[in-house]
N, C-alpha and C. Protein backbone atom coordinates (compact mmCIF):
# COMPACT_ATOMS: atom_id res chain seq x y z
N UNK A 1 19.35 32.04 4.98
CA UNK A 1 19.33 30.77 5.65
C UNK A 1 17.92 30.20 5.70
N UNK A 2 16.93 31.05 5.98
CA UNK A 2 15.55 30.61 6.02
C UNK A 2 15.12 30.09 4.65
N UNK A 3 15.53 30.76 3.58
CA UNK A 3 15.19 30.33 2.23
C UNK A 3 15.77 28.96 1.93
N UNK A 4 16.98 28.69 2.39
CA UNK A 4 17.59 27.38 2.13
C UNK A 4 16.86 26.29 2.89
N UNK A 5 16.32 26.58 4.08
CA UNK A 5 15.52 25.60 4.82
C UNK A 5 14.24 25.28 4.07
N UNK A 6 13.60 26.32 3.54
CA UNK A 6 12.37 26.11 2.78
C UNK A 6 12.65 25.30 1.52
N UNK A 7 13.75 25.60 0.85
CA UNK A 7 14.12 24.86 -0.35
C UNK A 7 14.39 23.40 0.00
N UNK A 8 15.06 23.14 1.11
CA UNK A 8 15.34 21.76 1.53
C UNK A 8 14.04 21.04 1.86
N UNK A 9 13.12 21.72 2.55
CA UNK A 9 11.84 21.11 2.90
C UNK A 9 11.02 20.79 1.64
N UNK A 10 11.01 21.71 0.70
CA UNK A 10 10.27 21.49 -0.55
C UNK A 10 10.89 20.35 -1.34
N UNK A 11 12.21 20.29 -1.38
CA UNK A 11 12.89 19.20 -2.09
C UNK A 11 12.58 17.86 -1.44
N UNK A 12 12.58 17.82 -0.11
CA UNK A 12 12.25 16.57 0.60
C UNK A 12 10.83 16.14 0.32
N UNK A 13 9.89 17.07 0.32
CA UNK A 13 8.51 16.76 0.02
C UNK A 13 8.35 16.25 -1.41
N UNK A 14 9.05 16.87 -2.33
CA UNK A 14 8.98 16.41 -3.73
C UNK A 14 9.51 14.99 -3.86
N UNK A 15 10.58 14.67 -3.16
CA UNK A 15 11.11 13.30 -3.20
C UNK A 15 10.12 12.32 -2.60
N UNK A 16 9.48 12.68 -1.48
CA UNK A 16 8.49 11.80 -0.86
C UNK A 16 7.30 11.58 -1.78
N UNK A 17 6.80 12.65 -2.39
CA UNK A 17 5.68 12.50 -3.31
C UNK A 17 6.05 11.62 -4.50
N UNK A 18 7.23 11.80 -5.03
CA UNK A 18 7.67 10.98 -6.16
C UNK A 18 7.77 9.52 -5.74
N UNK A 19 8.30 9.26 -4.56
CA UNK A 19 8.43 7.88 -4.09
C UNK A 19 7.08 7.25 -3.84
N UNK A 20 6.11 8.04 -3.40
CA UNK A 20 4.77 7.51 -3.12
C UNK A 20 3.90 7.48 -4.37
N UNK A 21 4.39 7.97 -5.47
CA UNK A 21 3.62 7.97 -6.71
C UNK A 21 2.77 9.20 -6.90
N UNK A 22 2.83 10.15 -5.95
CA UNK A 22 2.01 11.35 -6.05
C UNK A 22 2.49 12.27 -7.15
N UNK A 23 1.57 12.88 -7.85
CA UNK A 23 1.92 13.86 -8.85
C UNK A 23 2.46 13.28 -10.14
N UNK A 24 2.29 12.00 -10.35
CA UNK A 24 2.81 11.38 -11.56
C UNK A 24 1.82 10.36 -12.09
N UNK A 25 1.74 10.28 -13.39
CA UNK A 25 0.90 9.26 -14.00
C UNK A 25 1.62 7.94 -14.11
N UNK A 26 2.92 7.93 -13.82
CA UNK A 26 3.72 6.73 -13.93
C UNK A 26 3.90 6.11 -12.55
N UNK A 27 3.95 4.77 -12.45
CA UNK A 27 4.22 4.13 -11.17
C UNK A 27 5.59 4.56 -10.65
N UNK A 28 5.75 4.54 -9.33
CA UNK A 28 7.00 4.95 -8.72
C UNK A 28 8.11 3.94 -8.97
N UNK A 29 7.75 2.71 -9.28
CA UNK A 29 8.75 1.69 -9.57
C UNK A 29 8.43 1.04 -10.88
N UNK A 30 9.43 0.52 -11.52
CA UNK A 30 9.21 -0.22 -12.76
C UNK A 30 8.71 -1.61 -12.42
N UNK A 31 7.74 -2.09 -13.16
CA UNK A 31 7.23 -3.43 -12.98
C UNK A 31 7.77 -4.27 -14.12
N UNK A 32 8.45 -5.37 -13.82
CA UNK A 32 9.02 -6.17 -14.89
C UNK A 32 7.92 -6.80 -15.75
N UNK A 33 8.26 -7.00 -17.03
CA UNK A 33 7.31 -7.63 -17.93
C UNK A 33 7.35 -9.15 -17.80
N UNK A 34 8.31 -9.68 -17.06
CA UNK A 34 8.40 -11.11 -16.89
C UNK A 34 7.56 -11.53 -15.71
N UNK A 35 7.04 -12.75 -15.72
CA UNK A 35 6.24 -13.22 -14.58
C UNK A 35 7.06 -13.19 -13.29
N UNK A 36 6.36 -13.00 -12.17
CA UNK A 36 7.03 -12.90 -10.88
C UNK A 36 7.84 -14.15 -10.58
N UNK A 37 7.42 -15.31 -11.08
CA UNK A 37 8.14 -16.55 -10.82
C UNK A 37 9.55 -16.50 -11.39
N UNK A 38 9.81 -15.64 -12.37
CA UNK A 38 11.13 -15.54 -12.99
C UNK A 38 11.99 -14.45 -12.38
N UNK A 39 11.43 -13.65 -11.46
CA UNK A 39 12.19 -12.57 -10.85
C UNK A 39 12.76 -13.05 -9.53
N UNK A 40 13.84 -12.43 -9.06
CA UNK A 40 14.42 -12.84 -7.78
C UNK A 40 13.42 -12.63 -6.65
N UNK A 41 13.37 -13.55 -5.72
CA UNK A 41 12.44 -13.47 -4.59
C UNK A 41 13.02 -12.57 -3.51
N UNK A 42 12.14 -11.82 -2.84
CA UNK A 42 12.56 -11.01 -1.70
C UNK A 42 12.85 -11.95 -0.54
N UNK A 43 13.63 -11.51 0.42
CA UNK A 43 14.03 -12.37 1.52
C UNK A 43 12.85 -12.81 2.38
N UNK A 44 11.79 -12.02 2.44
CA UNK A 44 10.64 -12.36 3.28
C UNK A 44 9.40 -12.56 2.43
N UNK A 45 9.58 -12.95 1.17
CA UNK A 45 8.48 -13.11 0.23
C UNK A 45 7.81 -14.46 0.42
N UNK A 46 6.57 -14.61 -0.07
CA UNK A 46 5.90 -15.89 0.03
C UNK A 46 6.70 -16.97 -0.70
N UNK A 47 6.52 -18.22 -0.27
CA UNK A 47 7.28 -19.30 -0.88
C UNK A 47 6.71 -19.74 -2.22
N UNK A 48 5.43 -19.50 -2.45
CA UNK A 48 4.85 -19.82 -3.74
C UNK A 48 4.49 -18.53 -4.45
N UNK A 49 4.91 -18.39 -5.68
CA UNK A 49 4.69 -17.16 -6.43
C UNK A 49 3.99 -17.51 -7.73
N UNK A 50 2.84 -16.90 -7.94
CA UNK A 50 2.09 -17.13 -9.18
C UNK A 50 2.57 -16.14 -10.24
N UNK A 51 2.34 -16.51 -11.49
CA UNK A 51 2.69 -15.60 -12.58
C UNK A 51 1.81 -14.35 -12.48
N UNK A 52 2.36 -13.24 -12.84
CA UNK A 52 1.62 -11.99 -12.80
C UNK A 52 2.50 -10.89 -12.26
N UNK A 53 1.89 -9.77 -11.85
CA UNK A 53 2.67 -8.64 -11.34
C UNK A 53 3.50 -9.05 -10.12
N UNK A 54 4.64 -8.42 -9.96
CA UNK A 54 5.55 -8.70 -8.85
C UNK A 54 5.18 -7.80 -7.67
N UNK A 55 4.56 -8.39 -6.65
CA UNK A 55 4.13 -7.63 -5.47
C UNK A 55 5.26 -6.95 -4.75
N UNK A 56 6.42 -7.61 -4.68
CA UNK A 56 7.58 -7.01 -4.01
C UNK A 56 8.04 -5.76 -4.75
N UNK A 57 8.05 -5.79 -6.06
CA UNK A 57 8.44 -4.62 -6.84
C UNK A 57 7.40 -3.51 -6.69
N UNK A 58 6.13 -3.86 -6.71
CA UNK A 58 5.08 -2.87 -6.54
C UNK A 58 5.12 -2.24 -5.15
N UNK A 59 5.56 -3.00 -4.17
CA UNK A 59 5.67 -2.47 -2.80
C UNK A 59 6.65 -1.29 -2.74
N UNK A 60 7.51 -1.16 -3.70
CA UNK A 60 8.44 -0.04 -3.73
C UNK A 60 7.76 1.30 -3.58
N UNK A 61 6.55 1.45 -4.11
CA UNK A 61 5.85 2.73 -3.98
C UNK A 61 5.31 2.94 -2.57
N UNK A 62 5.22 1.88 -1.78
CA UNK A 62 4.72 1.96 -0.40
C UNK A 62 5.86 2.20 0.59
N UNK A 63 7.07 1.80 0.20
CA UNK A 63 8.21 1.78 1.12
C UNK A 63 8.64 3.16 1.61
N UNK A 64 8.37 4.21 0.87
CA UNK A 64 8.76 5.55 1.32
C UNK A 64 8.07 5.90 2.64
N UNK A 65 6.86 5.46 2.81
CA UNK A 65 6.13 5.73 4.05
C UNK A 65 6.19 4.54 5.02
N UNK A 66 5.89 3.35 4.52
CA UNK A 66 5.82 2.17 5.39
C UNK A 66 7.18 1.50 5.57
N UNK A 67 8.22 2.00 4.87
CA UNK A 67 9.59 1.53 4.96
C UNK A 67 9.77 0.16 4.29
N UNK A 68 10.98 -0.11 3.87
CA UNK A 68 11.29 -1.37 3.18
C UNK A 68 11.03 -2.57 4.07
N UNK A 69 11.16 -2.39 5.39
CA UNK A 69 10.92 -3.49 6.32
C UNK A 69 9.47 -3.60 6.77
N UNK A 70 8.58 -2.73 6.27
CA UNK A 70 7.16 -2.77 6.60
C UNK A 70 6.83 -2.27 7.99
N UNK A 71 7.78 -1.67 8.69
CA UNK A 71 7.55 -1.25 10.07
C UNK A 71 7.14 0.21 10.20
N UNK A 72 6.92 0.91 9.11
CA UNK A 72 6.42 2.28 9.14
C UNK A 72 7.39 3.26 9.77
N UNK A 73 6.88 4.45 10.00
CA UNK A 73 7.65 5.51 10.68
C UNK A 73 6.89 5.90 11.93
N UNK A 74 7.47 5.67 13.11
CA UNK A 74 6.78 5.97 14.36
C UNK A 74 6.21 7.39 14.37
N UNK A 75 4.96 7.50 14.77
CA UNK A 75 4.30 8.78 14.86
C UNK A 75 3.79 9.33 13.54
N UNK A 76 4.19 8.72 12.44
CA UNK A 76 3.77 9.24 11.13
C UNK A 76 2.99 8.22 10.31
N UNK A 77 3.63 7.09 10.00
CA UNK A 77 3.00 6.10 9.13
C UNK A 77 3.01 4.74 9.83
N UNK A 78 1.86 4.07 9.89
CA UNK A 78 1.77 2.83 10.67
C UNK A 78 2.53 1.66 10.03
N UNK A 79 2.90 0.70 10.88
CA UNK A 79 3.55 -0.50 10.37
C UNK A 79 2.54 -1.39 9.65
N UNK A 80 3.03 -2.15 8.69
CA UNK A 80 2.21 -3.14 8.01
C UNK A 80 2.47 -4.52 8.59
N UNK A 81 3.63 -4.69 9.22
CA UNK A 81 3.97 -5.96 9.86
C UNK A 81 3.18 -6.14 11.13
N UNK A 82 2.64 -7.34 11.29
CA UNK A 82 1.85 -7.68 12.48
C UNK A 82 0.69 -6.71 12.71
N UNK A 83 0.08 -6.27 11.63
CA UNK A 83 -1.04 -5.33 11.70
C UNK A 83 -2.35 -6.05 11.44
N UNK A 84 -3.26 -5.91 12.38
CA UNK A 84 -4.59 -6.51 12.23
C UNK A 84 -5.35 -5.93 11.03
N UNK A 85 -5.00 -4.71 10.64
CA UNK A 85 -5.63 -4.08 9.48
C UNK A 85 -5.21 -4.77 8.19
N UNK A 86 -4.01 -5.31 8.17
CA UNK A 86 -3.45 -5.96 6.99
C UNK A 86 -3.84 -7.43 6.93
N UNK A 87 -3.81 -8.11 8.08
CA UNK A 87 -3.96 -9.57 8.09
C UNK A 87 -5.39 -10.05 8.29
N UNK A 88 -6.30 -9.16 8.61
CA UNK A 88 -7.70 -9.55 8.81
C UNK A 88 -8.42 -9.70 7.48
N UNK A 89 -9.65 -9.28 7.44
CA UNK A 89 -10.48 -9.33 6.23
C UNK A 89 -9.74 -8.66 5.07
N UNK A 90 -9.47 -9.39 3.98
CA UNK A 90 -8.73 -8.78 2.87
C UNK A 90 -9.46 -7.60 2.23
N UNK A 91 -10.76 -7.50 2.42
CA UNK A 91 -11.50 -6.37 1.87
C UNK A 91 -11.05 -5.04 2.43
N UNK A 92 -10.54 -5.03 3.66
CA UNK A 92 -10.11 -3.78 4.27
C UNK A 92 -8.87 -3.22 3.59
N UNK A 93 -7.77 -3.97 3.50
CA UNK A 93 -6.62 -3.39 2.79
C UNK A 93 -6.90 -3.12 1.31
N UNK A 94 -7.79 -3.90 0.71
CA UNK A 94 -8.17 -3.62 -0.68
C UNK A 94 -8.81 -2.23 -0.76
N UNK A 95 -9.74 -1.95 0.15
CA UNK A 95 -10.40 -0.64 0.16
C UNK A 95 -9.39 0.48 0.36
N UNK A 96 -8.43 0.26 1.26
CA UNK A 96 -7.44 1.29 1.55
C UNK A 96 -6.57 1.57 0.32
N UNK A 97 -6.12 0.53 -0.35
CA UNK A 97 -5.28 0.75 -1.53
C UNK A 97 -6.10 1.42 -2.64
N UNK A 98 -7.34 1.00 -2.82
CA UNK A 98 -8.17 1.58 -3.88
C UNK A 98 -8.51 3.04 -3.64
N UNK A 99 -8.85 3.40 -2.39
CA UNK A 99 -9.41 4.73 -2.14
C UNK A 99 -8.63 5.57 -1.14
N UNK A 100 -7.63 5.01 -0.48
CA UNK A 100 -6.84 5.76 0.48
C UNK A 100 -7.41 5.68 1.89
N UNK A 101 -6.71 6.33 2.81
CA UNK A 101 -7.08 6.31 4.22
C UNK A 101 -6.72 7.66 4.82
N UNK A 102 -7.62 8.19 5.67
CA UNK A 102 -7.36 9.47 6.31
C UNK A 102 -7.79 9.42 7.77
N UNK A 103 -7.18 10.26 8.58
CA UNK A 103 -7.57 10.37 9.98
C UNK A 103 -6.85 9.39 10.88
N UNK A 104 -7.33 9.32 12.12
CA UNK A 104 -6.69 8.48 13.12
C UNK A 104 -6.94 7.00 12.88
N UNK A 105 -5.89 6.22 13.13
CA UNK A 105 -5.97 4.77 13.08
C UNK A 105 -5.02 4.23 14.15
N UNK A 106 -5.45 3.20 14.84
CA UNK A 106 -4.63 2.59 15.87
C UNK A 106 -4.08 1.27 15.33
N UNK A 107 -2.75 1.13 15.41
CA UNK A 107 -2.07 -0.08 14.97
C UNK A 107 -1.08 -0.47 16.05
N UNK A 108 -1.22 -1.69 16.56
CA UNK A 108 -0.31 -2.16 17.59
C UNK A 108 -0.29 -1.28 18.83
N UNK A 109 -1.44 -0.72 19.18
CA UNK A 109 -1.53 0.12 20.37
C UNK A 109 -1.05 1.55 20.18
N UNK A 110 -0.57 1.90 18.99
CA UNK A 110 -0.12 3.26 18.69
C UNK A 110 -1.14 3.94 17.78
N UNK A 111 -1.35 5.22 17.99
CA UNK A 111 -2.27 5.99 17.16
C UNK A 111 -1.47 6.77 16.12
N UNK A 112 -1.95 6.73 14.89
CA UNK A 112 -1.35 7.45 13.78
C UNK A 112 -2.44 8.34 13.20
N UNK A 113 -2.06 9.50 12.70
CA UNK A 113 -3.02 10.40 12.09
C UNK A 113 -2.36 11.05 10.87
N UNK A 114 -2.44 10.36 9.77
CA UNK A 114 -1.88 10.89 8.53
C UNK A 114 -2.81 10.48 7.40
N UNK A 115 -2.33 10.57 6.20
CA UNK A 115 -3.17 10.24 5.05
C UNK A 115 -2.41 9.34 4.09
N UNK A 116 -3.10 8.33 3.60
CA UNK A 116 -2.56 7.49 2.55
C UNK A 116 -3.32 7.81 1.27
N UNK A 117 -2.58 8.05 0.22
CA UNK A 117 -3.18 8.36 -1.07
C UNK A 117 -3.81 7.11 -1.68
N UNK A 118 -4.88 7.28 -2.47
CA UNK A 118 -5.44 6.13 -3.19
C UNK A 118 -4.54 5.75 -4.36
N UNK A 119 -4.40 4.48 -4.60
CA UNK A 119 -3.59 4.02 -5.72
C UNK A 119 -4.40 3.26 -6.76
N UNK A 120 -5.35 2.49 -6.34
CA UNK A 120 -6.06 1.64 -7.29
C UNK A 120 -7.33 2.21 -7.85
N UNK A 121 -8.03 3.03 -7.08
CA UNK A 121 -9.31 3.54 -7.51
C UNK A 121 -9.24 4.49 -8.69
N UNK A 122 -8.09 5.10 -8.88
CA UNK A 122 -7.92 6.06 -9.96
C UNK A 122 -7.47 5.38 -11.25
N UNK A 123 -7.40 4.06 -11.23
CA UNK A 123 -6.94 3.34 -12.41
C UNK A 123 -5.43 3.25 -12.47
N UNK A 124 -4.74 3.78 -11.44
CA UNK A 124 -3.29 3.75 -11.42
C UNK A 124 -2.77 2.31 -11.28
N UNK A 125 -3.53 1.47 -10.57
CA UNK A 125 -3.13 0.07 -10.40
C UNK A 125 -4.28 -0.83 -10.87
N UNK A 126 -3.91 -1.88 -11.58
CA UNK A 126 -4.92 -2.84 -12.04
C UNK A 126 -5.33 -3.74 -10.87
N UNK A 127 -6.39 -4.51 -11.07
CA UNK A 127 -6.83 -5.46 -10.05
C UNK A 127 -5.71 -6.44 -9.73
N UNK A 128 -5.01 -6.91 -10.74
CA UNK A 128 -3.92 -7.87 -10.54
C UNK A 128 -2.77 -7.23 -9.76
N UNK A 129 -2.47 -5.96 -10.01
CA UNK A 129 -1.39 -5.28 -9.29
C UNK A 129 -1.76 -5.06 -7.82
N UNK A 130 -3.00 -4.63 -7.56
CA UNK A 130 -3.45 -4.46 -6.18
C UNK A 130 -3.38 -5.79 -5.46
N UNK A 131 -3.85 -6.86 -6.10
CA UNK A 131 -3.80 -8.19 -5.49
C UNK A 131 -2.37 -8.61 -5.21
N UNK A 132 -1.47 -8.36 -6.14
CA UNK A 132 -0.07 -8.77 -5.97
C UNK A 132 0.60 -8.04 -4.81
N UNK A 133 0.43 -6.72 -4.72
CA UNK A 133 1.09 -5.98 -3.65
C UNK A 133 0.48 -6.35 -2.29
N UNK A 134 -0.83 -6.56 -2.23
CA UNK A 134 -1.44 -6.93 -0.96
C UNK A 134 -1.08 -8.36 -0.56
N UNK A 135 -0.97 -9.25 -1.53
CA UNK A 135 -0.52 -10.61 -1.22
C UNK A 135 0.89 -10.56 -0.65
N UNK A 136 1.75 -9.76 -1.25
CA UNK A 136 3.11 -9.59 -0.75
C UNK A 136 3.09 -9.07 0.69
N UNK A 137 2.34 -8.02 0.96
CA UNK A 137 2.29 -7.41 2.29
C UNK A 137 1.69 -8.39 3.30
N UNK A 138 0.64 -9.11 2.91
CA UNK A 138 -0.03 -10.04 3.83
C UNK A 138 0.80 -11.28 4.14
N UNK A 139 1.88 -11.50 3.37
CA UNK A 139 2.73 -12.67 3.63
C UNK A 139 4.17 -12.26 3.94
N UNK A 140 4.41 -11.00 4.21
CA UNK A 140 5.74 -10.49 4.52
C UNK A 140 5.71 -9.74 5.85
N UNK A 141 6.88 -9.34 6.33
CA UNK A 141 7.02 -8.51 7.52
C UNK A 141 6.48 -9.19 8.78
N UNK A 142 6.52 -10.52 8.81
CA UNK A 142 6.00 -11.27 9.95
C UNK A 142 4.54 -11.65 9.80
N UNK A 143 3.90 -11.25 8.71
CA UNK A 143 2.50 -11.59 8.46
C UNK A 143 2.40 -12.95 7.78
N UNK A 144 1.29 -13.64 8.01
CA UNK A 144 1.06 -14.91 7.33
C UNK A 144 -0.41 -15.07 6.96
N UNK A 145 -0.97 -14.07 6.32
CA UNK A 145 -2.37 -14.08 5.92
C UNK A 145 -2.51 -14.62 4.50
N UNK A 146 -3.73 -14.94 4.14
CA UNK A 146 -4.02 -15.51 2.82
C UNK A 146 -3.73 -14.53 1.69
N UNK A 147 -3.56 -15.10 0.51
CA UNK A 147 -3.35 -14.30 -0.70
C UNK A 147 -4.62 -13.53 -1.04
N UNK A 148 -4.45 -12.46 -1.79
CA UNK A 148 -5.56 -11.67 -2.32
C UNK A 148 -5.62 -11.95 -3.81
N UNK A 149 -6.81 -12.15 -4.34
CA UNK A 149 -6.95 -12.43 -5.76
C UNK A 149 -7.44 -11.19 -6.51
N UNK A 150 -7.17 -11.18 -7.79
CA UNK A 150 -7.65 -10.08 -8.64
C UNK A 150 -9.17 -10.05 -8.65
N UNK A 151 -9.81 -11.21 -8.53
CA UNK A 151 -11.28 -11.25 -8.48
C UNK A 151 -11.81 -10.57 -7.22
N UNK A 152 -11.11 -10.76 -6.08
CA UNK A 152 -11.52 -10.08 -4.85
C UNK A 152 -11.39 -8.57 -5.02
N UNK A 153 -10.30 -8.14 -5.61
CA UNK A 153 -10.09 -6.71 -5.83
C UNK A 153 -11.16 -6.16 -6.76
N UNK A 154 -11.47 -6.88 -7.83
CA UNK A 154 -12.49 -6.44 -8.78
C UNK A 154 -13.85 -6.29 -8.10
N UNK A 155 -14.18 -7.23 -7.22
CA UNK A 155 -15.47 -7.16 -6.52
C UNK A 155 -15.53 -5.94 -5.60
N UNK A 156 -14.45 -5.67 -4.86
CA UNK A 156 -14.43 -4.50 -3.99
C UNK A 156 -14.43 -3.22 -4.82
N UNK A 157 -13.68 -3.23 -5.91
CA UNK A 157 -13.65 -2.05 -6.79
C UNK A 157 -15.05 -1.73 -7.31
N UNK A 158 -15.78 -2.75 -7.73
CA UNK A 158 -17.14 -2.55 -8.25
C UNK A 158 -18.08 -2.07 -7.14
N UNK A 159 -17.95 -2.66 -5.95
CA UNK A 159 -18.84 -2.30 -4.84
C UNK A 159 -18.58 -0.90 -4.31
N UNK A 160 -17.38 -0.37 -4.50
CA UNK A 160 -17.02 0.95 -3.97
C UNK A 160 -16.75 1.97 -5.07
N UNK A 161 -17.20 1.68 -6.27
CA UNK A 161 -16.90 2.52 -7.43
C UNK A 161 -17.33 3.98 -7.25
N UNK A 162 -18.37 4.22 -6.51
CA UNK A 162 -18.85 5.59 -6.32
C UNK A 162 -18.11 6.37 -5.25
N UNK A 163 -17.19 5.75 -4.56
CA UNK A 163 -16.47 6.42 -3.48
C UNK A 163 -15.53 7.48 -4.03
N UNK A 164 -15.57 8.67 -3.43
CA UNK A 164 -14.73 9.77 -3.90
C UNK A 164 -13.78 10.30 -2.83
N UNK A 165 -13.87 9.77 -1.62
CA UNK A 165 -13.00 10.23 -0.54
C UNK A 165 -12.28 9.05 0.08
N UNK A 166 -11.15 9.31 0.73
CA UNK A 166 -10.46 8.22 1.44
C UNK A 166 -11.31 7.69 2.59
N UNK A 167 -11.05 6.46 2.98
CA UNK A 167 -11.73 5.82 4.10
C UNK A 167 -11.22 6.38 5.41
N UNK A 168 -12.01 6.22 6.46
CA UNK A 168 -11.54 6.44 7.83
C UNK A 168 -11.51 5.07 8.50
N UNK A 169 -10.77 4.96 9.59
CA UNK A 169 -10.71 3.69 10.34
C UNK A 169 -12.10 3.28 10.79
N UNK A 170 -12.89 4.23 11.25
CA UNK A 170 -14.25 3.93 11.72
C UNK A 170 -15.10 3.35 10.59
N UNK A 171 -15.02 3.93 9.41
CA UNK A 171 -15.78 3.39 8.26
C UNK A 171 -15.33 1.97 7.92
N UNK A 172 -14.02 1.75 7.96
CA UNK A 172 -13.50 0.42 7.63
C UNK A 172 -13.96 -0.62 8.65
N UNK A 173 -13.98 -0.25 9.93
CA UNK A 173 -14.46 -1.18 10.96
C UNK A 173 -15.93 -1.51 10.75
N UNK A 174 -16.72 -0.53 10.37
CA UNK A 174 -18.15 -0.78 10.18
C UNK A 174 -18.44 -1.53 8.88
N UNK A 175 -17.44 -1.63 7.97
CA UNK A 175 -17.64 -2.34 6.71
C UNK A 175 -17.37 -3.83 6.83
N UNK A 176 -16.84 -4.25 8.00
CA UNK A 176 -16.49 -5.67 8.18
C UNK A 176 -17.74 -6.53 8.25
């Protein structure tokens, strides 16, 4: 019985890692080759969609932790909806996607202490893909923040190119 519990736990972890893109050189979701303007819009997606990567489709790799509704998992993964970390200075979520996040972070008065893997800094996501997913998140789940551009992502990527560890909340606050 104990062995079956361990097997179930390992299987669950493998599914979570696969959904988050961990352990794979391939994205967790397929990105269509057609411009986003030609793909179906998500129910809470921005009203104007530029050609390029589909942020809603790219968000699929985030949904395992932050959930499809962007509200996270209480006690484990913070919500992206109505989050000051998401809607404030776009450089902060860009840094988080590029290099990850570790340690305690407070969102909406709740403290979370987990780790987000880096997605963009390893070359796994292009500047345009990081911009698309962050634009989607910043304009979904009750958020109404400005779009993120590939040029903004490129500038942050260049400025933080030497970073080898995930950010902490304290470091991100001091980078504002």
